[in-house]
Amino acid sequence: MTGKIQTSNVTNKNDPRSLNSRVFIGNLNTAIVKKTDIEVIFAKYGRIVGCSVHKGFAFVQYISERNARAAVAGENARIIAGQPLVHVVRVFLPFG
């Protein structure tokens, strides 16, 4: 899997608007799936401004909360590289 989209690796800004437009992707086979693959899959929901991939999970940072909500609704339980993405969730602001 390859793609041509290039985004920042920054997905850890503490700005409340950024937190509400961030998506966590769990159960990800990162031995096979790369950053460009995630970008291509999730770009259909809106402009991605950041994408970071870690061992077994990734974060996608969208320009808006609406894009993040659409990605969660559209990609949760999708099977990629033989594994279901069962933990595609929006990152919420902590209470307090």
C-alpha atoms as a PDB file:
ATOM      1  CA  MET A   1       0.000   0.000   0.000  1.00  0.00           C
ATOM      2  CA  THR A   2       1.385   3.383  -0.928  1.00  0.00           C
ATOM      3  CA  GLY A   3       0.071   6.879  -1.423  1.00  0.00           C
ATOM      4  CA  LYS A   4       1.195  10.349  -2.425  1.00  0.00           C
ATOM      5  CA  ILE A   5      -0.159  12.482   0.423  1.00  0.00           C
ATOM      6  CA  GLN A   6       2.455  14.003   2.736  1.00  0.00           C
ATOM      7  CA  THR A   7       1.430  15.481   6.086  1.00  0.00           C
ATOM      8  CA  SER A   8       3.100  16.582   9.269  1.00  0.00           C
ATOM      9  CA  ASN A   9       3.964  14.043  11.963  1.00  0.00           C
ATOM     10  CA  VAL A  10       2.571  16.392  14.634  1.00  0.00           C
ATOM     11  CA  THR A  11      -0.637  15.160  16.260  1.00  0.00           C
ATOM     12  CA  ASN A  12      -0.007  16.124  19.882  1.00  0.00           C
ATOM     13  CA  LYS A  13      -1.008  19.786  20.069  1.00  0.00           C
ATOM     14  CA  ASN A  14      -2.924  20.711  23.217  1.00  0.00           C
ATOM     15  CA  ASP A  15      -5.167  23.264  21.539  1.00  0.00           C
ATOM     16  CA  PRO A  16      -8.791  22.233  22.319  1.00  0.00           C
ATOM     17  CA  ARG A  17      -9.792  22.569  18.673  1.00  0.00           C
ATOM     18  CA  SER A  18      -6.963  20.215  17.720  1.00  0.00           C
ATOM     19  CA  LEU A  19      -7.964  17.639  20.325  1.00  0.00           C
ATOM     20  CA  ASN A  20     -11.530  17.536  19.055  1.00  0.00           C
ATOM     21  CA  SER A  21     -10.383  16.945  15.497  1.00  0.00           C
ATOM     22  CA  ARG A  22      -7.957  14.104  16.295  1.00  0.00           C
ATOM     23  CA  VAL A  23      -8.695  10.416  15.674  1.00  0.00           C
ATOM     24  CA  PHE A  24      -7.058   7.461  17.437  1.00  0.00           C
ATOM     25  CA  ILE A  25      -6.682   4.275  15.371  1.00  0.00           C
ATOM     26  CA  GLY A  26      -5.973   1.137  17.383  1.00  0.00           C
ATOM     27  CA  ASN A  27      -5.263  -2.508  16.564  1.00  0.00           C
ATOM     28  CA  LEU A  28      -3.160  -1.417  13.598  1.00  0.00           C
ATOM     29  CA  ASN A  29      -0.688  -3.816  11.998  1.00  0.00           C
ATOM     30  CA  THR A  30       2.158  -1.315  11.666  1.00  0.00           C
ATOM     31  CA  ALA A  31       4.522  -3.989  10.370  1.00  0.00           C
ATOM     32  CA  ILE A  32       2.526  -3.799   7.133  1.00  0.00           C
ATOM     33  CA  VAL A  33       0.528  -0.550   7.239  1.00  0.00           C
ATOM     34  CA  LYS A  34       2.560   2.640   6.901  1.00  0.00           C
ATOM     35  CA  LYS A  35       1.860   6.341   7.413  1.00  0.00           C
ATOM     36  CA  THR A  36       1.095   6.911   3.738  1.00  0.00           C
ATOM     37  CA  ASP A  37      -1.457   4.083   3.819  1.00  0.00           C
ATOM     38  CA  ILE A  38      -3.263   5.683   6.758  1.00  0.00           C
ATOM     39  CA  GLU A  39      -3.219   9.064   5.021  1.00  0.00           C
ATOM     40  CA  VAL A  40      -4.739   7.639   1.844  1.00  0.00           C
ATOM     41  CA  ILE A  41      -7.464   5.733   3.726  1.00  0.00           C
ATOM     42  CA  PHE A  42      -8.457   8.623   5.984  1.00  0.00           C
ATOM     43  CA  ALA A  43      -8.074  11.521   3.497  1.00  0.00           C
ATOM     44  CA  LYS A  44     -11.524  10.875   2.042  1.00  0.00           C
ATOM     45  CA  TYR A  45     -13.051  12.357   5.217  1.00  0.00           C
ATOM     46  CA  GLY A  46     -11.307  15.710   4.997  1.00  0.00           C
ATOM     47  CA  ARG A  47      -7.995  17.534   5.016  1.00  0.00           C
ATOM     48  CA  ILE A  48      -5.410  15.802   7.200  1.00  0.00           C
ATOM     49  CA  VAL A  49      -2.938  18.165   8.832  1.00  0.00           C
ATOM     50  CA  GLY A  50      -0.994  15.535  10.791  1.00  0.00           C
ATOM     51  CA  CYS A  51      -0.546  11.788  10.985  1.00  0.00           C
ATOM     52  CA  SER A  52       1.627   9.860  13.415  1.00  0.00           C
ATOM     53  CA  VAL A  53       2.051   6.093  13.394  1.00  0.00           C
ATOM     54  CA  HIS A  54       3.352   4.150  16.375  1.00  0.00           C
ATOM     55  CA  LYS A  55       3.701   0.443  17.106  1.00  0.00           C
ATOM     56  CA  GLY A  56       0.148  -0.880  16.935  1.00  0.00           C
ATOM     57  CA  PHE A  57      -1.695   2.448  16.691  1.00  0.00           C
ATOM     58  CA  ALA A  58      -1.856   5.812  14.944  1.00  0.00           C
ATOM     59  CA  PHE A  59      -3.325   9.284  15.250  1.00  0.00           C
ATOM     60  CA  VAL A  60      -4.816  11.338  12.430  1.00  0.00           C
ATOM     61  CA  GLN A  61      -5.239  15.079  12.928  1.00  0.00           C
ATOM     62  CA  TYR A  62      -7.927  16.710  10.814  1.00  0.00           C
ATOM     63  CA  ILE A  63      -8.567  20.362  10.121  1.00  0.00           C
ATOM     64  CA  SER A  64     -12.035  20.118  11.708  1.00  0.00           C
ATOM     65  CA  GLU A  65     -14.018  18.131  14.237  1.00  0.00           C
ATOM     66  CA  ARG A  66     -16.605  17.328  11.558  1.00  0.00           C
ATOM     67  CA  ASN A  67     -13.934  15.491   9.548  1.00  0.00           C
ATOM     68  CA  ALA A  68     -12.880  13.502  12.603  1.00  0.00           C
ATOM     69  CA  ARG A  69     -16.462  12.465  13.341  1.00  0.00           C
ATOM     70  CA  ALA A  70     -16.939  11.305   9.746  1.00  0.00           C
ATOM     71  CA  ALA A  71     -13.725   9.255   9.860  1.00  0.00           C
ATOM     72  CA  VAL A  72     -14.758   7.521  13.079  1.00  0.00           C
ATOM     73  CA  ALA A  73     -18.179   6.673  11.660  1.00  0.00           C
ATOM     74  CA  GLY A  74     -16.735   5.450   8.362  1.00  0.00           C
ATOM     75  CA  GLU A  75     -13.685   3.489   9.458  1.00  0.00           C
ATOM     76  CA  ASN A  76     -14.465   1.817  12.785  1.00  0.00           C
ATOM     77  CA  ALA A  77     -14.301  -1.997  12.314  1.00  0.00           C
ATOM     78  CA  ARG A  78     -12.718  -1.698   8.852  1.00  0.00           C
ATOM     79  CA  ILE A  79     -10.255  -4.520   8.173  1.00  0.00           C
ATOM     80  CA  ILE A  80      -6.771  -3.412   7.135  1.00  0.00           C
ATOM     81  CA  ALA A  81      -3.917  -5.906   6.672  1.00  0.00           C
ATOM     82  CA  GLY A  82      -6.083  -8.655   8.157  1.00  0.00           C
ATOM     83  CA  GLN A  83      -6.962  -6.813  11.377  1.00  0.00           C
ATOM     84  CA  PRO A  84     -10.163  -4.949  12.246  1.00  0.00           C
ATOM     85  CA  LEU A  85      -9.703  -1.345  13.327  1.00  0.00           C
ATOM     86  CA  VAL A  86     -11.929  -1.793  16.345  1.00  0.00           C
ATOM     87  CA  HIS A  87     -10.730   1.276  18.216  1.00  0.00           C
ATOM     88  CA  VAL A  88     -11.183   4.136  15.778  1.00  0.00           C
ATOM     89  CA  VAL A  89     -12.301   6.888  18.148  1.00  0.00           C
ATOM     90  CA  ARG A  90     -12.178  10.649  18.465  1.00  0.00           C
ATOM     91  CA  VAL A  91      -9.902  12.025  21.140  1.00  0.00           C
ATOM     92  CA  PHE A  92     -11.923  14.061  23.610  1.00  0.00           C
ATOM     93  CA  LEU A  93     -10.910  16.867  25.925  1.00  0.00           C
ATOM     94  CA  PRO A  94     -10.302  15.681  29.491  1.00  0.00           C
ATOM     95  CA  PHE A  95     -12.707  16.938  32.139  1.00  0.00           C
ATOM     96  CA  GLY A  96     -11.459  19.222  34.876  1.00  0.00           C
END
